[in-house]
Amino acid sequence: MALLGPRQVGKTTLAIGVGKTRPSIYLDLESEADRAKLSEPELYLSGHDDKLVILDEVHRLPGVFQTLRGLIDRTRLAGRRAGQFLLLGSASIDLLRQSGVARRPAPKSISS
């Protein structure tokens, strides 16, 4: 799921609130330390497939979208739940293009 909108409208606050309702991890991709955790994104994210993964400022790491698509597809093929990833970023057409949302059916997106 993607939560897109302009800066400073409460996307992060909302996402953290959602994260408190279930096991989750939060990565702020403006943080060099959090970006470093995704130096091998498939390995790191696969290790958290039992949690909601919140990726804030996801446009800072555009290469992660291909990995996310693969992980989501594998999860679906295994018959497991949807909604493992919550992506936060600016509501721009460039972000949508990077994510592949424009090419995939029925995206779930909330704009603020």
PDB file of N, CA and C in Angstrom:
ATOM      1  N   MET A   1       0.851  -1.153   0.000  1.00  0.00           N
ATOM      2  CA  MET A   1       0.000   0.000   0.000  1.00  0.00           C
ATOM      3  C   MET A   1       0.902   1.222   0.000  1.00  0.00           C
ATOM      4  N   ALA A   2       0.478   2.253  -0.682  1.00  0.00           N
ATOM      5  CA  ALA A   2       1.238   3.502  -0.745  1.00  0.00           C
ATOM      6  C   ALA A   2       0.418   4.627  -0.142  1.00  0.00           C
ATOM      7  N   LEU A   3       1.064   5.413   0.675  1.00  0.00           N
ATOM      8  CA  LEU A   3       0.471   6.608   1.251  1.00  0.00           C
ATOM      9  C   LEU A   3       1.260   7.776   0.684  1.00  0.00           C
ATOM     10  N   LEU A   4       0.652   8.490  -0.263  1.00  0.00           N
ATOM     11  CA  LEU A   4       1.341   9.537  -0.991  1.00  0.00           C
ATOM     12  C   LEU A   4       0.729  10.891  -0.688  1.00  0.00           C
ATOM     13  N   GLY A   5       1.558  11.918  -0.683  1.00  0.00           N
ATOM     14  CA  GLY A   5       1.056  13.267  -0.470  1.00  0.00           C
ATOM     15  C   GLY A   5       2.198  14.228  -0.277  1.00  0.00           C
ATOM     16  N   PRO A   6       1.871  15.515  -0.202  1.00  0.00           N
ATOM     17  CA  PRO A   6       2.923  16.510  -0.008  1.00  0.00           C
ATOM     18  C   PRO A   6       3.600  16.351   1.353  1.00  0.00           C
ATOM     19  N   ARG A   7       4.735  17.003   1.494  1.00  0.00           N
ATOM     20  CA  ARG A   7       5.485  16.934   2.747  1.00  0.00           C
ATOM     21  C   ARG A   7       4.695  17.602   3.879  1.00  0.00           C
ATOM     22  N   GLN A   8       4.924  17.106   5.090  1.00  0.00           N
ATOM     23  CA  GLN A   8       4.408  17.716   6.321  1.00  0.00           C
ATOM     24  C   GLN A   8       2.878  17.693   6.435  1.00  0.00           C
ATOM     25  N   VAL A   9       2.240  16.641   5.912  1.00  0.00           N
ATOM     26  CA  VAL A   9       0.782  16.557   6.060  1.00  0.00           C
ATOM     27  C   VAL A   9       0.350  15.444   7.010  1.00  0.00           C
ATOM     28  N   GLY A  10       1.311  14.695   7.563  1.00  0.00           N
ATOM     29  CA  GLY A  10       0.969  13.680   8.555  1.00  0.00           C
ATOM     30  C   GLY A  10       1.081  12.239   8.094  1.00  0.00           C
ATOM     31  N   LYS A  11       1.709  11.989   6.945  1.00  0.00           N
ATOM     32  CA  LYS A  11       1.843  10.611   6.451  1.00  0.00           C
ATOM     33  C   LYS A  11       2.619   9.743   7.436  1.00  0.00           C
ATOM     34  N   THR A  12       3.725  10.249   7.921  1.00  0.00           N
ATOM     35  CA  THR A  12       4.558   9.474   8.845  1.00  0.00           C
ATOM     36  C   THR A  12       3.826   9.223  10.150  1.00  0.00           C
ATOM     37  N   THR A  13       3.174  10.241  10.670  1.00  0.00           N
ATOM     38  CA  THR A  13       2.416  10.083  11.916  1.00  0.00           C
ATOM     39  C   THR A  13       1.346   9.007  11.760  1.00  0.00           C
ATOM     40  N   LEU A  14       0.622   9.048  10.668  1.00  0.00           N
ATOM     41  CA  LEU A  14      -0.407   8.042  10.399  1.00  0.00           C
ATOM     42  C   LEU A  14       0.208   6.651  10.283  1.00  0.00           C
ATOM     43  N   ALA A  15       1.305   6.532   9.540  1.00  0.00           N
ATOM     44  CA  ALA A  15       1.944   5.230   9.344  1.00  0.00           C
ATOM     45  C   ALA A  15       2.464   4.650  10.650  1.00  0.00           C
ATOM     46  N   ILE A  16       3.061   5.480  11.481  1.00  0.00           N
ATOM     47  CA  ILE A  16       3.559   4.999  12.776  1.00  0.00           C
ATOM     48  C   ILE A  16       2.391   4.539  13.644  1.00  0.00           C
ATOM     49  N   GLY A  17       1.280   5.248  13.574  1.00  0.00           N
ATOM     50  CA  GLY A  17       0.080   4.818  14.306  1.00  0.00           C
ATOM     51  C   GLY A  17      -0.404   3.458  13.841  1.00  0.00           C
ATOM     52  N   VAL A  18      -0.411   3.248  12.541  1.00  0.00           N
ATOM     53  CA  VAL A  18      -0.787   1.936  11.996  1.00  0.00           C
ATOM     54  C   VAL A  18       0.209   0.880  12.467  1.00  0.00           C
ATOM     55  N   GLY A  19       1.479   1.230  12.452  1.00  0.00           N
ATOM     56  CA  GLY A  19       2.515   0.291  12.865  1.00  0.00           C
ATOM     57  C   GLY A  19       2.400  -0.141  14.315  1.00  0.00           C
ATOM     58  N   LYS A  20       1.811   0.688  15.146  1.00  0.00           N
ATOM     59  CA  LYS A  20       1.636   0.343  16.562  1.00  0.00           C
ATOM     60  C   LYS A  20       0.541  -0.697  16.768  1.00  0.00           C
ATOM     61  N   THR A  21      -0.272  -0.951  15.746  1.00  0.00           N
ATOM     62  CA  THR A  21      -1.385  -1.890  15.892  1.00  0.00           C
ATOM     63  C   THR A  21      -0.993  -3.312  15.536  1.00  0.00           C
ATOM     64  N   ARG A  22       0.225  -3.506  15.048  1.00  0.00           N
ATOM     65  CA  ARG A  22       0.686  -4.840  14.656  1.00  0.00           C
ATOM     66  C   ARG A  22       2.207  -4.852  14.644  1.00  0.00           C
ATOM     67  N   PRO A  23       2.804  -6.035  14.632  1.00  0.00           N
ATOM     68  CA  PRO A  23       4.269  -6.080  14.556  1.00  0.00           C
ATOM     69  C   PRO A  23       4.736  -5.368  13.293  1.00  0.00           C
ATOM     70  N   SER A  24       5.709  -4.463  13.456  1.00  0.00           N
ATOM     71  CA  SER A  24       6.154  -3.685  12.308  1.00  0.00           C
ATOM     72  C   SER A  24       7.577  -3.199  12.510  1.00  0.00           C
ATOM     73  N   ILE A  25       8.173  -2.771  11.415  1.00  0.00           N
ATOM     74  CA  ILE A  25       9.444  -2.064  11.464  1.00  0.00           C
ATOM     75  C   ILE A  25       9.288  -0.803  10.626  1.00  0.00           C
ATOM     76  N   TYR A  26       9.974   0.234  11.029  1.00  0.00           N
ATOM     77  CA  TYR A  26       9.909   1.523  10.346  1.00  0.00           C
ATOM     78  C   TYR A  26      11.306   1.887   9.881  1.00  0.00           C
ATOM     79  N   LEU A  27      11.435   2.183   8.602  1.00  0.00           N
ATOM     80  CA  LEU A  27      12.703   2.639   8.055  1.00  0.00           C
ATOM     81  C   LEU A  27      12.492   4.005   7.418  1.00  0.00           C
ATOM     82  N   ASP A  28      13.276   4.985   7.845  1.00  0.00           N
ATOM     83  CA  ASP A  28      13.239   6.323   7.267  1.00  0.00           C
ATOM     84  C   ASP A  28      14.385   6.397   6.261  1.00  0.00           C
ATOM     85  N   LEU A  29      14.046   6.396   4.992  1.00  0.00           N
ATOM     86  CA  LEU A  29      15.083   6.312   3.967  1.00  0.00           C
ATOM     87  C   LEU A  29      15.805   7.624   3.733  1.00  0.00           C
ATOM     88  N   GLU A  30      15.484   8.647   4.532  1.00  0.00           N
ATOM     89  CA  GLU A  30      16.330   9.840   4.566  1.00  0.00           C
ATOM     90  C   GLU A  30      17.515   9.603   5.494  1.00  0.00           C
ATOM     91  N   SER A  31      17.427   8.576   6.325  1.00  0.00           N
ATOM     92  CA  SER A  31      18.494   8.221   7.256  1.00  0.00           C
ATOM     93  C   SER A  31      19.499   7.302   6.561  1.00  0.00           C
ATOM     94  N   GLU A  32      20.751   7.695   6.599  1.00  0.00           N
ATOM     95  CA  GLU A  32      21.795   6.871   5.979  1.00  0.00           C
ATOM     96  C   GLU A  32      21.856   5.482   6.625  1.00  0.00           C
ATOM     97  N   ALA A  33      21.664   5.421   7.935  1.00  0.00           N
ATOM     98  CA  ALA A  33      21.702   4.139   8.637  1.00  0.00           C
ATOM     99  C   ALA A  33      20.578   3.218   8.159  1.00  0.00           C
ATOM    100  N   ASP A  34      19.377   3.774   7.960  1.00  0.00           N
ATOM    101  CA  ASP A  34      18.265   2.948   7.484  1.00  0.00           C
ATOM    102  C   ASP A  34      18.465   2.545   6.019  1.00  0.00           C
ATOM    103  N   ARG A  35      19.004   3.442   5.199  1.00  0.00           N
ATOM    104  CA  ARG A  35      19.296   3.069   3.801  1.00  0.00           C
ATOM    105  C   ARG A  35      20.337   1.954   3.757  1.00  0.00           C
ATOM    106  N   ALA A  36      21.309   1.995   4.668  1.00  0.00           N
ATOM    107  CA  ALA A  36      22.344   0.966   4.714  1.00  0.00           C
ATOM    108  C   ALA A  36      21.749  -0.406   5.022  1.00  0.00           C
ATOM    109  N   LYS A  37      20.687  -0.441   5.828  1.00  0.00           N
ATOM    110  CA  LYS A  37      20.031  -1.715   6.124  1.00  0.00           C
ATOM    111  C   LYS A  37      19.496  -2.361   4.855  1.00  0.00           C
ATOM    112  N   LEU A  38      19.221  -1.534   3.852  1.00  0.00           N
ATOM    113  CA  LEU A  38      18.682  -2.049   2.595  1.00  0.00           C
ATOM    114  C   LEU A  38      19.742  -2.151   1.507  1.00  0.00           C
ATOM    115  N   SER A  39      21.004  -2.265   1.913  1.00  0.00           N
ATOM    116  CA  SER A  39      22.065  -2.452   0.922  1.00  0.00           C
ATOM    117  C   SER A  39      21.858  -3.766   0.167  1.00  0.00           C
ATOM    118  N   GLU A  40      21.266  -4.739   0.835  1.00  0.00           N
ATOM    119  CA  GLU A  40      20.808  -5.981   0.205  1.00  0.00           C
ATOM    120  C   GLU A  40      19.326  -6.103   0.544  1.00  0.00           C
ATOM    121  N   PRO A  41      18.474  -5.383  -0.197  1.00  0.00           N
ATOM    122  CA  PRO A  41      17.074  -5.266   0.209  1.00  0.00           C
ATOM    123  C   PRO A  41      16.322  -6.587   0.280  1.00  0.00           C
ATOM    124  N   GLU A  42      16.566  -7.492  -0.641  1.00  0.00           N
ATOM    125  CA  GLU A  42      15.828  -8.760  -0.613  1.00  0.00           C
ATOM    126  C   GLU A  42      16.159  -9.556   0.642  1.00  0.00           C
ATOM    127  N   LEU A  43      17.412  -9.605   0.998  1.00  0.00           N
ATOM    128  CA  LEU A  43      17.838 -10.333   2.194  1.00  0.00           C
ATOM    129  C   LEU A  43      17.238  -9.698   3.456  1.00  0.00           C
ATOM    130  N   TYR A  44      17.332  -8.383   3.569  1.00  0.00           N
ATOM    131  CA  TYR A  44      16.817  -7.703   4.755  1.00  0.00           C
ATOM    132  C   TYR A  44      15.296  -7.831   4.851  1.00  0.00           C
ATOM    133  N   LEU A  45      14.598  -7.532   3.771  1.00  0.00           N
ATOM    134  CA  LEU A  45      13.135  -7.537   3.810  1.00  0.00           C
ATOM    135  C   LEU A  45      12.567  -8.941   3.971  1.00  0.00           C
ATOM    136  N   SER A  46      13.223  -9.935   3.403  1.00  0.00           N
ATOM    137  CA  SER A  46      12.774 -11.322   3.575  1.00  0.00           C
ATOM    138  C   SER A  46      12.827 -11.745   5.032  1.00  0.00           C
ATOM    139  N   GLY A  47      13.755 -11.190   5.767  1.00  0.00           N
ATOM    140  CA  GLY A  47      13.882 -11.499   7.186  1.00  0.00           C
ATOM    141  C   GLY A  47      12.791 -10.877   8.046  1.00  0.00           C
ATOM    142  N   HIS A  48      11.960 -10.040   7.436  1.00  0.00           N
ATOM    143  CA  HIS A  48      10.884  -9.367   8.169  1.00  0.00           C
ATOM    144  C   HIS A  48       9.532  -9.638   7.529  1.00  0.00           C
ATOM    145  N   ASP A  49       9.380 -10.818   6.922  1.00  0.00           N
ATOM    146  CA  ASP A  49       8.130 -11.101   6.208  1.00  0.00           C
ATOM    147  C   ASP A  49       6.951 -11.363   7.139  1.00  0.00           C
ATOM    148  N   ASP A  50       7.211 -11.373   8.445  1.00  0.00           N
ATOM    149  CA  ASP A  50       6.130 -11.541   9.419  1.00  0.00           C
ATOM    150  C   ASP A  50       5.677 -10.204   9.999  1.00  0.00           C
ATOM    151  N   LYS A  51       6.189  -9.106   9.442  1.00  0.00           N
ATOM    152  CA  LYS A  51       5.894  -7.772   9.966  1.00  0.00           C
ATOM    153  C   LYS A  51       5.414  -6.849   8.851  1.00  0.00           C
ATOM    154  N   LEU A  52       4.739  -5.781   9.269  1.00  0.00           N
ATOM    155  CA  LEU A  52       4.472  -4.677   8.368  1.00  0.00           C
ATOM    156  C   LEU A  52       5.772  -3.891   8.240  1.00  0.00           C
ATOM    157  N   VAL A  53       6.228  -3.690   7.017  1.00  0.00           N
ATOM    158  CA  VAL A  53       7.448  -2.921   6.778  1.00  0.00           C
ATOM    159  C   VAL A  53       7.027  -1.542   6.262  1.00  0.00           C
ATOM    160  N   ILE A  54       7.348  -0.515   7.031  1.00  0.00           N
ATOM    161  CA  ILE A  54       7.016   0.859   6.660  1.00  0.00           C
ATOM    162  C   ILE A  54       8.282   1.505   6.101  1.00  0.00           C
ATOM    163  N   LEU A  55       8.212   1.909   4.840  1.00  0.00           N
ATOM    164  CA  LEU A  55       9.345   2.562   4.186  1.00  0.00           C
ATOM    165  C   LEU A  55       8.974   4.019   3.928  1.00  0.00           C
ATOM    166  N   ASP A  56       9.527   4.906   4.747  1.00  0.00           N
ATOM    167  CA  ASP A  56       9.251   6.336   4.637  1.00  0.00           C
ATOM    168  C   ASP A  56      10.263   6.969   3.686  1.00  0.00           C
ATOM    169  N   GLU A  57       9.800   7.932   2.892  1.00  0.00           N
ATOM    170  CA  GLU A  57      10.635   8.610   1.896  1.00  0.00           C
ATOM    171  C   GLU A  57      11.214   7.603   0.905  1.00  0.00           C
ATOM    172  N   VAL A  58      10.367   6.694   0.443  1.00  0.00           N
ATOM    173  CA  VAL A  58      10.792   5.590  -0.408  1.00  0.00           C
ATOM    174  C   VAL A  58      11.409   6.065  -1.721  1.00  0.00           C
ATOM    175  N   HIS A  59      11.092   7.269  -2.145  1.00  0.00           N
ATOM    176  CA  HIS A  59      11.685   7.807  -3.375  1.00  0.00           C
ATOM    177  C   HIS A  59      13.199   7.994  -3.248  1.00  0.00           C
ATOM    178  N   ARG A  60      13.729   7.966  -2.027  1.00  0.00           N
ATOM    179  CA  ARG A  60      15.176   8.091  -1.807  1.00  0.00           C
ATOM    180  C   ARG A  60      15.938   6.824  -2.221  1.00  0.00           C
ATOM    181  N   LEU A  61      15.220   5.737  -2.431  1.00  0.00           N
ATOM    182  CA  LEU A  61      15.849   4.468  -2.799  1.00  0.00           C
ATOM    183  C   LEU A  61      15.043   3.818  -3.928  1.00  0.00           C
ATOM    184  N   PRO A  62      15.057   4.421  -5.109  1.00  0.00           N
ATOM    185  CA  PRO A  62      14.193   3.945  -6.195  1.00  0.00           C
ATOM    186  C   PRO A  62      14.469   2.505  -6.614  1.00  0.00           C
ATOM    187  N   GLY A  63      15.669   2.013  -6.402  1.00  0.00           N
ATOM    188  CA  GLY A  63      15.990   0.643  -6.786  1.00  0.00           C
ATOM    189  C   GLY A  63      15.261  -0.412  -5.975  1.00  0.00           C
ATOM    190  N   VAL A  64      14.659  -0.023  -4.854  1.00  0.00           N
ATOM    191  CA  VAL A  64      13.997  -1.001  -3.990  1.00  0.00           C
ATOM    192  C   VAL A  64      12.668  -1.479  -4.579  1.00  0.00           C
ATOM    193  N   PHE A  65      12.085  -0.729  -5.509  1.00  0.00           N
ATOM    194  CA  PHE A  65      10.773  -1.098  -6.033  1.00  0.00           C
ATOM    195  C   PHE A  65      10.769  -2.457  -6.734  1.00  0.00           C
ATOM    196  N   GLN A  66      11.807  -2.737  -7.494  1.00  0.00           N
ATOM    197  CA  GLN A  66      11.877  -4.028  -8.180  1.00  0.00           C
ATOM    198  C   GLN A  66      11.919  -5.173  -7.163  1.00  0.00           C
ATOM    199  N   THR A  67      12.678  -5.010  -6.104  1.00  0.00           N
ATOM    200  CA  THR A  67      12.739  -6.024  -5.046  1.00  0.00           C
ATOM    201  C   THR A  67      11.375  -6.193  -4.384  1.00  0.00           C
ATOM    202  N   LEU A  68      10.717  -5.081  -4.089  1.00  0.00           N
ATOM    203  CA  LEU A  68       9.395  -5.156  -3.455  1.00  0.00           C
ATOM    204  C   LEU A  68       8.410  -5.909  -4.337  1.00  0.00           C
ATOM    205  N   ARG A  69       8.414  -5.629  -5.634  1.00  0.00           N
ATOM    206  CA  ARG A  69       7.492  -6.329  -6.534  1.00  0.00           C
ATOM    207  C   ARG A  69       7.733  -7.833  -6.489  1.00  0.00           C
ATOM    208  N   GLY A  70       8.988  -8.237  -6.506  1.00  0.00           N
ATOM    209  CA  GLY A  70       9.306  -9.663  -6.436  1.00  0.00           C
ATOM    210  C   GLY A  70       8.850 -10.294  -5.134  1.00  0.00           C
ATOM    211  N   LEU A  71       9.103  -9.621  -4.025  1.00  0.00           N
ATOM    212  CA  LEU A  71       8.697 -10.157  -2.724  1.00  0.00           C
ATOM    213  C   LEU A  71       7.173 -10.238  -2.610  1.00  0.00           C
ATOM    214  N   ILE A  72       6.491  -9.234  -3.089  1.00  0.00           N
ATOM    215  CA  ILE A  72       5.018  -9.231  -3.041  1.00  0.00           C
ATOM    216  C   ILE A  72       4.464 -10.361  -3.899  1.00  0.00           C
ATOM    217  N   ASP A  73       5.017 -10.540  -5.093  1.00  0.00           N
ATOM    218  CA  ASP A  73       4.549 -11.623  -5.965  1.00  0.00           C
ATOM    219  C   ASP A  73       4.774 -12.988  -5.333  1.00  0.00           C
ATOM    220  N   ARG A  74       5.941 -13.199  -4.717  1.00  0.00           N
ATOM    221  CA  ARG A  74       6.208 -14.476  -4.053  1.00  0.00           C
ATOM    222  C   ARG A  74       5.277 -14.718  -2.879  1.00  0.00           C
ATOM    223  N   THR A  75       4.978 -13.668  -2.138  1.00  0.00           N
ATOM    224  CA  THR A  75       4.055 -13.779  -1.005  1.00  0.00           C
ATOM    225  C   THR A  75       2.673 -14.202  -1.485  1.00  0.00           C
ATOM    226  N   ARG A  76       2.217 -13.583  -2.562  1.00  0.00           N
ATOM    227  CA  ARG A  76       0.902 -13.933  -3.111  1.00  0.00           C
ATOM    228  C   ARG A  76       0.882 -15.368  -3.616  1.00  0.00           C
ATOM    229  N   LEU A  77       1.928 -15.783  -4.310  1.00  0.00           N
ATOM    230  CA  LEU A  77       1.988 -17.153  -4.827  1.00  0.00           C
ATOM    231  C   LEU A  77       1.992 -18.174  -3.698  1.00  0.00           C
ATOM    232  N   ALA A  78       2.552 -17.804  -2.562  1.00  0.00           N
ATOM    233  CA  ALA A  78       2.590 -18.706  -1.411  1.00  0.00           C
ATOM    234  C   ALA A  78       1.268 -18.695  -0.646  1.00  0.00           C
ATOM    235  N   GLY A  79       0.323 -17.849  -1.085  1.00  0.00           N
ATOM    236  CA  GLY A  79      -0.981 -17.799  -0.439  1.00  0.00           C
ATOM    237  C   GLY A  79      -1.006 -17.026   0.861  1.00  0.00           C
ATOM    238  N   ARG A  80       0.026 -16.234   1.085  1.00  0.00           N
ATOM    239  CA  ARG A  80       0.069 -15.451   2.320  1.00  0.00           C
ATOM    240  C   ARG A  80      -0.598 -14.102   2.127  1.00  0.00           C
ATOM    241  N   ARG A  81      -0.750 -13.403   3.228  1.00  0.00           N
ATOM    242  CA  ARG A  81      -1.495 -12.157   3.269  1.00  0.00           C
ATOM    243  C   ARG A  81      -0.869 -11.049   2.414  1.00  0.00           C
ATOM    244  N   ALA A  82      -1.719 -10.127   2.055  1.00  0.00           N
ATOM    245  CA  ALA A  82      -1.265  -8.916   1.386  1.00  0.00           C
ATOM    246  C   ALA A  82      -1.045  -7.843   2.444  1.00  0.00           C
ATOM    247  N   GLY A  83      -0.539  -6.708   2.044  1.00  0.00           N
ATOM    248  CA  GLY A  83      -0.384  -5.600   2.983  1.00  0.00           C
ATOM    249  C   GLY A  83       0.845  -5.684   3.844  1.00  0.00           C
ATOM    250  N   GLN A  84       1.909  -6.259   3.329  1.00  0.00           N
ATOM    251  CA  GLN A  84       3.142  -6.380   4.105  1.00  0.00           C
ATOM    252  C   GLN A  84       3.949  -5.085   4.084  1.00  0.00           C
ATOM    253  N   PHE A  85       3.768  -4.273   3.054  1.00  0.00           N
ATOM    254  CA  PHE A  85       4.574  -3.063   2.899  1.00  0.00           C
ATOM    255  C   PHE A  85       3.680  -1.829   2.887  1.00  0.00           C
ATOM    256  N   LEU A  86       4.116  -0.796   3.609  1.00  0.00           N
ATOM    257  CA  LEU A  86       3.468   0.509   3.579  1.00  0.00           C
ATOM    258  C   LEU A  86       4.532   1.503   3.132  1.00  0.00           C
ATOM    259  N   LEU A  87       4.329   2.057   1.946  1.00  0.00           N
ATOM    260  CA  LEU A  87       5.306   2.956   1.346  1.00  0.00           C
ATOM    261  C   LEU A  87       4.823   4.391   1.463  1.00  0.00           C
ATOM    262  N   LEU A  88       5.704   5.272   1.926  1.00  0.00           N
ATOM    263  CA  LEU A  88       5.363   6.679   2.084  1.00  0.00           C
ATOM    264  C   LEU A  88       6.254   7.505   1.172  1.00  0.00           C
ATOM    265  N   GLY A  89       5.655   8.506   0.528  1.00  0.00           N
ATOM    266  CA  GLY A  89       6.452   9.379  -0.323  1.00  0.00           C
ATOM    267  C   GLY A  89       5.637  10.519  -0.874  1.00  0.00           C
ATOM    268  N   SER A  90       6.323  11.363  -1.589  1.00  0.00           N
ATOM    269  CA  SER A  90       5.674  12.505  -2.219  1.00  0.00           C
ATOM    270  C   SER A  90       4.741  12.027  -3.311  1.00  0.00           C
ATOM    271  N   ALA A  91       3.615  12.685  -3.446  1.00  0.00           N
ATOM    272  CA  ALA A  91       2.622  12.321  -4.471  1.00  0.00           C
ATOM    273  C   ALA A  91       3.075  12.884  -5.809  1.00  0.00           C
ATOM    274  N   SER A  92       3.978  12.188  -6.450  1.00  0.00           N
ATOM    275  CA  SER A  92       4.441  12.653  -7.745  1.00  0.00           C
ATOM    276  C   SER A  92       4.322  11.532  -8.755  1.00  0.00           C
ATOM    277  N   ILE A  93       4.143  11.902  -9.990  1.00  0.00           N
ATOM    278  CA  ILE A  93       4.049  10.902 -11.048  1.00  0.00           C
ATOM    279  C   ILE A  93       5.362  10.137 -11.170  1.00  0.00           C
ATOM    280  N   ASP A  94       6.492  10.804 -10.851  1.00  0.00           N
ATOM    281  CA  ASP A  94       7.783  10.115 -10.918  1.00  0.00           C
ATOM    282  C   ASP A  94       7.841   8.964  -9.921  1.00  0.00           C
ATOM    283  N   LEU A  95       7.324   9.169  -8.705  1.00  0.00           N
ATOM    284  CA  LEU A  95       7.314   8.102  -7.706  1.00  0.00           C
ATOM    285  C   LEU A  95       6.429   6.952  -8.172  1.00  0.00           C
ATOM    286  N   LEU A  96       5.290   7.273  -8.737  1.00  0.00           N
ATOM    287  CA  LEU A  96       4.401   6.225  -9.238  1.00  0.00           C
ATOM    288  C   LEU A  96       5.071   5.443 -10.364  1.00  0.00           C
ATOM    289  N   ARG A  97       5.786   6.125 -11.231  1.00  0.00           N
ATOM    290  CA  ARG A  97       6.492   5.430 -12.316  1.00  0.00           C
ATOM    291  C   ARG A  97       7.590   4.528 -11.760  1.00  0.00           C
ATOM    292  N   GLN A  98       8.352   5.031 -10.776  1.00  0.00           N
ATOM    293  CA  GLN A  98       9.414   4.231 -10.167  1.00  0.00           C
ATOM    294  C   GLN A  98       8.859   2.967  -9.542  1.00  0.00           C
ATOM    295  N   SER A  99       7.716   3.093  -8.904  1.00  0.00           N
ATOM    296  CA  SER A  99       7.145   1.969  -8.168  1.00  0.00           C
ATOM    297  C   SER A  99       6.518   0.933  -9.075  1.00  0.00           C
ATOM    298  N   GLY A 100       6.195   1.325 -10.300  1.00  0.00           N
ATOM    299  CA  GLY A 100       5.514   0.409 -11.197  1.00  0.00           C
ATOM    300  C   GLY A 100       4.021   0.394 -10.993  1.00  0.00           C
ATOM    301  N   VAL A 101       3.488   1.266 -10.119  1.00  0.00           N
ATOM    302  CA  VAL A 101       2.056   1.312  -9.853  1.00  0.00           C
ATOM    303  C   VAL A 101       1.287   1.542 -11.149  1.00  0.00           C
ATOM    304  N   ALA A 102       1.837   2.367 -12.016  1.00  0.00           N
ATOM    305  CA  ALA A 102       1.137   2.680 -13.268  1.00  0.00           C
ATOM    306  C   ALA A 102       0.980   1.444 -14.148  1.00  0.00           C
ATOM    307  N   ARG A 103       1.807   0.418 -13.942  1.00  0.00           N
ATOM    308  CA  ARG A 103       1.753  -0.781 -14.774  1.00  0.00           C
ATOM    309  C   ARG A 103       1.011  -1.933 -14.122  1.00  0.00           C
ATOM    310  N   ARG A 104       0.642  -1.799 -12.853  1.00  0.00           N
ATOM    311  CA  ARG A 104       0.061  -2.921 -12.120  1.00  0.00           C
ATOM    312  C   ARG A 104      -1.424  -2.692 -11.892  1.00  0.00           C
ATOM    313  N   PRO A 105      -2.205  -3.745 -11.858  1.00  0.00           N
ATOM    314  CA  PRO A 105      -3.654  -3.579 -11.672  1.00  0.00           C
ATOM    315  C   PRO A 105      -4.023  -3.206 -10.246  1.00  0.00           C
ATOM    316  N   ALA A 106      -5.067  -2.449 -10.108  1.00  0.00           N
ATOM    317  CA  ALA A 106      -5.744  -2.129  -8.852  1.00  0.00           C
ATOM    318  C   ALA A 106      -4.808  -1.750  -7.707  1.00  0.00           C
ATOM    319  N   PRO A 107      -4.043  -0.652  -7.852  1.00  0.00           N
ATOM    320  CA  PRO A 107      -3.204  -0.242  -6.735  1.00  0.00           C
ATOM    321  C   PRO A 107      -4.052   0.260  -5.580  1.00  0.00           C
ATOM    322  N   LYS A 108      -3.556   0.057  -4.381  1.00  0.00           N
ATOM    323  CA  LYS A 108      -4.224   0.577  -3.184  1.00  0.00           C
ATOM    324  C   LYS A 108      -3.432   1.775  -2.734  1.00  0.00           C
ATOM    325  N   SER A 109      -3.975   2.952  -2.926  1.00  0.00           N
ATOM    326  CA  SER A 109      -3.263   4.164  -2.586  1.00  0.00           C
ATOM    327  C   SER A 109      -4.191   5.137  -1.881  1.00  0.00           C
ATOM    328  N   ILE A 110      -3.651   5.801  -0.872  1.00  0.00           N
ATOM    329  CA  ILE A 110      -4.402   6.811  -0.150  1.00  0.00           C
ATOM    330  C   ILE A 110      -3.644   8.115  -0.333  1.00  0.00           C
ATOM    331  N   SER A 111      -4.250   9.114  -0.877  1.00  0.00           N
ATOM    332  CA  SER A 111      -3.603  10.419  -1.023  1.00  0.00           C
ATOM    333  C   SER A 111      -4.080  11.324   0.080  1.00  0.00           C
ATOM    334  N   SER A 112      -3.159  12.114   0.602  1.00  0.00           N
ATOM    335  CA  SER A 112      -3.524  13.048   1.666  1.00  0.00           C
ATOM    336  C   SER A 112      -3.723  14.426   1.104  1.00  0.00           C
TER     337      SER A 112
END
